[in-house]
PDB file of N, CA and C in Angstrom:
ATOM      1  N   UNK A   1     -10.156 -43.154 -10.802  1.00  0.00           N
ATOM      2  CA  UNK A   1     -10.690 -43.787 -11.991  1.00  0.00           C
ATOM      3  C   UNK A   1     -11.115 -42.726 -13.012  1.00  0.00           C
ATOM      4  N   UNK A   2     -10.803 -42.941 -14.284  1.00  0.00           N
ATOM      5  CA  UNK A   2     -11.272 -42.000 -15.297  1.00  0.00           C
ATOM      6  C   UNK A   2     -12.772 -42.155 -15.557  1.00  0.00           C
ATOM      7  N   UNK A   3     -13.355 -41.082 -16.054  1.00  0.00           N
ATOM      8  CA  UNK A   3     -14.780 -41.126 -16.369  1.00  0.00           C
ATOM      9  C   UNK A   3     -15.004 -41.916 -17.660  1.00  0.00           C
ATOM     10  N   UNK A   4     -16.171 -42.508 -17.777  1.00  0.00           N
ATOM     11  CA  UNK A   4     -16.538 -43.227 -18.995  1.00  0.00           C
ATOM     12  C   UNK A   4     -17.034 -42.202 -20.010  1.00  0.00           C
ATOM     13  N   UNK A   5     -16.486 -42.277 -21.210  1.00  0.00           N
ATOM     14  CA  UNK A   5     -16.851 -41.304 -22.236  1.00  0.00           C
ATOM     15  C   UNK A   5     -18.128 -41.720 -22.954  1.00  0.00           C
ATOM     16  N   UNK A   6     -18.892 -40.700 -23.341  1.00  0.00           N
ATOM     17  CA  UNK A   6     -20.091 -40.891 -24.138  1.00  0.00           C
ATOM     18  C   UNK A   6     -19.681 -41.006 -25.594  1.00  0.00           C
ATOM     19  N   UNK A   7     -20.378 -41.801 -26.380  1.00  0.00           N
ATOM     20  CA  UNK A   7     -20.141 -41.895 -27.816  1.00  0.00           C
ATOM     21  C   UNK A   7     -20.556 -40.561 -28.437  1.00  0.00           C
ATOM     22  N   UNK A   8     -19.591 -39.769 -28.908  1.00  0.00           N
ATOM     23  CA  UNK A   8     -19.873 -38.396 -29.327  1.00  0.00           C
ATOM     24  C   UNK A   8     -20.776 -38.344 -30.553  1.00  0.00           C
ATOM     25  N   UNK A   9     -20.662 -39.322 -31.450  1.00  0.00           N
ATOM     26  CA  UNK A   9     -21.539 -39.352 -32.616  1.00  0.00           C
ATOM     27  C   UNK A   9     -22.982 -39.593 -32.231  1.00  0.00           C
ATOM     28  N   UNK A  10     -23.196 -40.473 -31.259  1.00  0.00           N
ATOM     29  CA  UNK A  10     -24.553 -40.762 -30.797  1.00  0.00           C
ATOM     30  C   UNK A  10     -25.122 -39.581 -30.011  1.00  0.00           C
ATOM     31  N   UNK A  11     -24.281 -38.880 -29.274  1.00  0.00           N
ATOM     32  CA  UNK A  11     -24.741 -37.740 -28.488  1.00  0.00           C
ATOM     33  C   UNK A  11     -25.283 -36.626 -29.382  1.00  0.00           C
ATOM     34  N   UNK A  12     -24.746 -36.516 -30.597  1.00  0.00           N
ATOM     35  CA  UNK A  12     -25.213 -35.510 -31.541  1.00  0.00           C
ATOM     36  C   UNK A  12     -26.513 -35.929 -32.227  1.00  0.00           C
ATOM     37  N   UNK A  13     -26.790 -37.223 -32.281  1.00  0.00           N
ATOM     38  CA  UNK A  13     -27.913 -37.726 -33.063  1.00  0.00           C
ATOM     39  C   UNK A  13     -29.159 -38.056 -32.254  1.00  0.00           C
ATOM     40  N   UNK A  14     -29.015 -38.383 -30.971  1.00  0.00           N
ATOM     41  CA  UNK A  14     -30.146 -38.813 -30.149  1.00  0.00           C
ATOM     42  C   UNK A  14     -30.306 -37.907 -28.940  1.00  0.00           C
ATOM     43  N   UNK A  15     -31.577 -37.646 -28.566  1.00  0.00           N
ATOM     44  CA  UNK A  15     -31.876 -36.873 -27.366  1.00  0.00           C
ATOM     45  C   UNK A  15     -32.784 -37.719 -26.486  1.00  0.00           C
ATOM     46  N   UNK A  16     -32.479 -37.739 -25.180  1.00  0.00           N
ATOM     47  CA  UNK A  16     -33.243 -38.535 -24.218  1.00  0.00           C
ATOM     48  C   UNK A  16     -34.567 -37.837 -23.912  1.00  0.00           C
ATOM     49  N   UNK A  17     -35.657 -38.604 -23.922  1.00  0.00           N
ATOM     50  CA  UNK A  17     -36.973 -38.103 -23.531  1.00  0.00           C
ATOM     51  C   UNK A  17     -37.551 -39.055 -22.496  1.00  0.00           C
ATOM     52  N   UNK A  18     -38.733 -38.722 -21.991  1.00  0.00           N
ATOM     53  CA  UNK A  18     -39.375 -39.590 -21.001  1.00  0.00           C
ATOM     54  C   UNK A  18     -39.776 -40.924 -21.620  1.00  0.00           C
ATOM     55  N   UNK A  19     -40.114 -40.914 -22.921  1.00  0.00           N
ATOM     56  CA  UNK A  19     -40.562 -42.139 -23.588  1.00  0.00           C
ATOM     57  C   UNK A  19     -39.414 -42.975 -24.128  1.00  0.00           C
ATOM     58  N   UNK A  20     -38.231 -42.402 -24.217  1.00  0.00           N
ATOM     59  CA  UNK A  20     -37.082 -43.127 -24.774  1.00  0.00           C
ATOM     60  C   UNK A  20     -36.090 -42.152 -25.379  1.00  0.00           C
ATOM     61  N   UNK A  21     -35.839 -42.290 -26.677  1.00  0.00           N
ATOM     62  CA  UNK A  21     -34.931 -41.390 -27.384  1.00  0.00           C
ATOM     63  C   UNK A  21     -35.595 -40.907 -28.651  1.00  0.00           C
ATOM     64  N   UNK A  22     -35.396 -39.625 -28.976  1.00  0.00           N
ATOM     65  CA  UNK A  22     -35.920 -39.126 -30.240  1.00  0.00           C
ATOM     66  C   UNK A  22     -34.771 -38.990 -31.237  1.00  0.00           C
ATOM     67  N   UNK A  23     -35.117 -39.121 -32.519  1.00  0.00           N
ATOM     68  CA  UNK A  23     -34.136 -39.067 -33.585  1.00  0.00           C
ATOM     69  C   UNK A  23     -34.719 -38.350 -34.788  1.00  0.00           C
ATOM     70  N   UNK A  24     -33.842 -37.876 -35.656  1.00  0.00           N
ATOM     71  CA  UNK A  24     -34.272 -37.238 -36.899  1.00  0.00           C
ATOM     72  C   UNK A  24     -34.242 -38.261 -38.022  1.00  0.00           C
ATOM     73  N   UNK A  25     -34.908 -37.937 -39.120  1.00  0.00           N
ATOM     74  CA  UNK A  25     -34.923 -38.812 -40.284  1.00  0.00           C
ATOM     75  C   UNK A  25     -33.618 -38.695 -41.056  1.00  0.00           C
ATOM     76  N   UNK A  26     -33.240 -39.773 -41.721  1.00  0.00           N
ATOM     77  CA  UNK A  26     -32.038 -39.785 -42.549  1.00  0.00           C
ATOM     78  C   UNK A  26     -32.337 -39.186 -43.925  1.00  0.00           C
ATOM     79  N   UNK A  27     -31.301 -38.979 -44.724  1.00  0.00           N
ATOM     80  CA  UNK A  27     -31.396 -38.496 -46.114  1.00  0.00           C
ATOM     81  C   UNK A  27     -31.927 -37.081 -46.207  1.00  0.00           C
ATOM     82  N   UNK A  28     -31.636 -36.206 -45.248  1.00  0.00           N
ATOM     83  CA  UNK A  28     -32.176 -34.848 -45.260  1.00  0.00           C
ATOM     84  C   UNK A  28     -31.060 -33.826 -45.032  1.00  0.00           C
ATOM     85  N   UNK A  29     -29.826 -34.152 -45.429  1.00  0.00           N
ATOM     86  CA  UNK A  29     -28.730 -33.236 -45.111  1.00  0.00           C
ATOM     87  C   UNK A  29     -28.230 -32.423 -46.300  1.00  0.00           C
ATOM     88  N   UNK A  30     -28.065 -33.029 -47.453  1.00  0.00           N
ATOM     89  CA  UNK A  30     -27.564 -32.290 -48.614  1.00  0.00           C
ATOM     90  C   UNK A  30     -28.009 -32.962 -49.901  1.00  0.00           C
ATOM     91  N   UNK A  31     -27.779 -32.290 -51.022  1.00  0.00           N
ATOM     92  CA  UNK A  31     -28.237 -32.695 -52.355  1.00  0.00           C
ATOM     93  C   UNK A  31     -29.755 -32.915 -52.329  1.00  0.00           C
ATOM     94  N   UNK A  32     -30.474 -31.883 -51.932  1.00  0.00           N
ATOM     95  CA  UNK A  32     -31.924 -31.971 -51.808  1.00  0.00           C
ATOM     96  C   UNK A  32     -32.642 -31.475 -53.062  1.00  0.00           C
ATOM     97  N   UNK A  33     -31.900 -30.994 -54.056  1.00  0.00           N
ATOM     98  CA  UNK A  33     -32.545 -30.433 -55.238  1.00  0.00           C
ATOM     99  C   UNK A  33     -33.215 -31.514 -56.080  1.00  0.00           C
ATOM    100  N   UNK A  34     -32.653 -32.711 -56.096  1.00  0.00           N
ATOM    101  CA  UNK A  34     -33.248 -33.788 -56.891  1.00  0.00           C
ATOM    102  C   UNK A  34     -34.372 -34.507 -56.164  1.00  0.00           C
ATOM    103  N   UNK A  35     -34.578 -34.197 -54.896  1.00  0.00           N
ATOM    104  CA  UNK A  35     -35.615 -34.847 -54.110  1.00  0.00           C
ATOM    105  C   UNK A  35     -36.926 -34.061 -54.246  1.00  0.00           C
ATOM    106  N   UNK A  36     -38.034 -34.778 -54.326  1.00  0.00           N
ATOM    107  CA  UNK A  36     -39.321 -34.101 -54.482  1.00  0.00           C
ATOM    108  C   UNK A  36     -39.706 -33.380 -53.190  1.00  0.00           C
ATOM    109  N   UNK A  37     -40.561 -32.381 -53.340  1.00  0.00           N
ATOM    110  CA  UNK A  37     -41.018 -31.606 -52.183  1.00  0.00           C
ATOM    111  C   UNK A  37     -41.783 -32.489 -51.213  1.00  0.00           C
ATOM    112  N   UNK A  38     -42.553 -33.431 -51.745  1.00  0.00           N
ATOM    113  CA  UNK A  38     -43.312 -34.347 -50.903  1.00  0.00           C
ATOM    114  C   UNK A  38     -42.381 -35.183 -50.030  1.00  0.00           C
ATOM    115  N   UNK A  39     -41.295 -35.679 -50.625  1.00  0.00           N
ATOM    116  CA  UNK A  39     -40.341 -36.516 -49.878  1.00  0.00           C
ATOM    117  C   UNK A  39     -39.659 -35.715 -48.776  1.00  0.00           C
ATOM    118  N   UNK A  40     -39.247 -34.492 -49.092  1.00  0.00           N
ATOM    119  CA  UNK A  40     -38.587 -33.638 -48.092  1.00  0.00           C
ATOM    120  C   UNK A  40     -39.545 -33.300 -46.956  1.00  0.00           C
ATOM    121  N   UNK A  41     -40.802 -33.083 -47.294  1.00  0.00           N
ATOM    122  CA  UNK A  41     -41.800 -32.769 -46.266  1.00  0.00           C
ATOM    123  C   UNK A  41     -42.034 -33.962 -45.345  1.00  0.00           C
ATOM    124  N   UNK A  42     -42.037 -35.169 -45.907  1.00  0.00           N
ATOM    125  CA  UNK A  42     -42.251 -36.368 -45.097  1.00  0.00           C
ATOM    126  C   UNK A  42     -41.071 -36.673 -44.183  1.00  0.00           C
ATOM    127  N   UNK A  43     -39.883 -36.213 -44.540  1.00  0.00           N
ATOM    128  CA  UNK A  43     -38.696 -36.456 -43.718  1.00  0.00           C
ATOM    129  C   UNK A  43     -38.524 -35.424 -42.605  1.00  0.00           C
ATOM    130  N   UNK A  44     -39.419 -34.450 -42.554  1.00  0.00           N
ATOM    131  CA  UNK A  44     -39.343 -33.426 -41.518  1.00  0.00           C
ATOM    132  C   UNK A  44     -39.720 -33.996 -40.155  1.00  0.00           C
ATOM    133  N   UNK A  45     -39.282 -33.344 -39.104  1.00  0.00           N
ATOM    134  CA  UNK A  45     -39.703 -33.728 -37.765  1.00  0.00           C
ATOM    135  C   UNK A  45     -38.875 -34.853 -37.163  1.00  0.00           C
ATOM    136  N   UNK A  46     -39.316 -35.331 -36.014  1.00  0.00           N
ATOM    137  CA  UNK A  46     -38.585 -36.361 -35.290  1.00  0.00           C
ATOM    138  C   UNK A  46     -39.478 -37.562 -35.033  1.00  0.00           C
ATOM    139  N   UNK A  47     -38.856 -38.680 -34.689  1.00  0.00           N
ATOM    140  CA  UNK A  47     -39.589 -39.885 -34.325  1.00  0.00           C
ATOM    141  C   UNK A  47     -38.820 -40.595 -33.217  1.00  0.00           C
ATOM    142  N   UNK A  48     -39.417 -41.642 -32.676  1.00  0.00           N
ATOM    143  CA  UNK A  48     -38.804 -42.380 -31.576  1.00  0.00           C
ATOM    144  C   UNK A  48     -37.857 -43.451 -32.107  1.00  0.00           C
ATOM    145  N   UNK A  49     -36.825 -43.752 -31.332  1.00  0.00           N
ATOM    146  CA  UNK A  49     -35.930 -44.863 -31.642  1.00  0.00           C
ATOM    147  C   UNK A  49     -36.699 -46.161 -31.388  1.00  0.00           C
ATOM    148  N   UNK A  50     -36.531 -47.135 -32.264  1.00  0.00           N
ATOM    149  CA  UNK A  50     -37.254 -48.402 -32.158  1.00  0.00           C
ATOM    150  C   UNK A  50     -36.845 -49.157 -30.898  1.00  0.00           C
ATOM    151  N   UNK A  51     -37.771 -49.952 -30.384  1.00  0.00           N
ATOM    152  CA  UNK A  51     -37.541 -50.716 -29.148  1.00  0.00           C
ATOM    153  C   UNK A  51     -36.284 -51.579 -29.215  1.00  0.00           C
ATOM    154  N   UNK A  52     -36.051 -52.212 -30.360  1.00  0.00           N
ATOM    155  CA  UNK A  52     -34.907 -53.116 -30.483  1.00  0.00           C
ATOM    156  C   UNK A  52     -33.576 -52.371 -30.491  1.00  0.00           C
ATOM    157  N   UNK A  53     -33.590 -51.067 -30.785  1.00  0.00           N
ATOM    158  CA  UNK A  53     -32.354 -50.282 -30.814  1.00  0.00           C
ATOM    159  C   UNK A  53     -32.106 -49.501 -29.537  1.00  0.00           C
ATOM    160  N   UNK A  54     -33.080 -49.477 -28.623  1.00  0.00           N
ATOM    161  CA  UNK A  54     -32.937 -48.696 -27.387  1.00  0.00           C
ATOM    162  C   UNK A  54     -31.758 -49.168 -26.542  1.00  0.00           C
ATOM    163  N   UNK A  55     -31.512 -50.474 -26.517  1.00  0.00           N
ATOM    164  CA  UNK A  55     -30.410 -51.018 -25.715  1.00  0.00           C
ATOM    165  C   UNK A  55     -29.076 -50.500 -26.234  1.00  0.00           C
ATOM    166  N   UNK A  56     -28.906 -50.466 -27.552  1.00  0.00           N
ATOM    167  CA  UNK A  56     -27.659 -49.986 -28.139  1.00  0.00           C
ATOM    168  C   UNK A  56     -27.448 -48.491 -27.874  1.00  0.00           C
ATOM    169  N   UNK A  57     -28.507 -47.712 -28.003  1.00  0.00           N
ATOM    170  CA  UNK A  57     -28.407 -46.275 -27.757  1.00  0.00           C
ATOM    171  C   UNK A  57     -28.135 -46.006 -26.292  1.00  0.00           C
ATOM    172  N   UNK A  58     -28.763 -46.775 -25.403  1.00  0.00           N
ATOM    173  CA  UNK A  58     -28.510 -46.650 -23.965  1.00  0.00           C
ATOM    174  C   UNK A  58     -27.044 -46.868 -23.638  1.00  0.00           C
ATOM    175  N   UNK A  59     -26.446 -47.869 -24.272  1.00  0.00           N
ATOM    176  CA  UNK A  59     -25.034 -48.173 -24.009  1.00  0.00           C
ATOM    177  C   UNK A  59     -24.107 -47.075 -24.524  1.00  0.00           C
ATOM    178  N   UNK A  60     -24.477 -46.460 -25.665  1.00  0.00           N
ATOM    179  CA  UNK A  60     -23.645 -45.385 -26.206  1.00  0.00           C
ATOM    180  C   UNK A  60     -23.770 -44.090 -25.412  1.00  0.00           C
ATOM    181  N   UNK A  61     -24.941 -43.872 -24.805  1.00  0.00           N
ATOM    182  CA  UNK A  61     -25.198 -42.623 -24.066  1.00  0.00           C
ATOM    183  C   UNK A  61     -25.306 -42.895 -22.576  1.00  0.00           C
ATOM    184  N   UNK A  62     -24.433 -43.697 -22.024  1.00  0.00           N
ATOM    185  CA  UNK A  62     -24.575 -44.148 -20.633  1.00  0.00           C
ATOM    186  C   UNK A  62     -24.497 -43.038 -19.614  1.00  0.00           C
ATOM    187  N   UNK A  63     -23.891 -41.888 -19.931  1.00  0.00           N
ATOM    188  CA  UNK A  63     -23.758 -40.804 -18.938  1.00  0.00           C
ATOM    189  C   UNK A  63     -24.781 -39.710 -19.099  1.00  0.00           C
ATOM    190  N   UNK A  64     -25.503 -39.671 -20.212  1.00  0.00           N
ATOM    191  CA  UNK A  64     -26.427 -38.554 -20.459  1.00  0.00           C
ATOM    192  C   UNK A  64     -27.687 -38.675 -19.647  1.00  0.00           C
TER     193      UNK A  64
END
């Protein structure tokens, strides 16, 4: 039997922790010159994936 593949896009975006999955904030990749310093500072760091989305992330990362 072949192995089940992990969703490669999800594997790059989510990391498994004891509490669930951690994720980064959106809108922080490019064209940051027009964004205020306050907004960029607030988008720093990581947060947890919401409870309602944990099932979907679990299914995408079934082997991790």
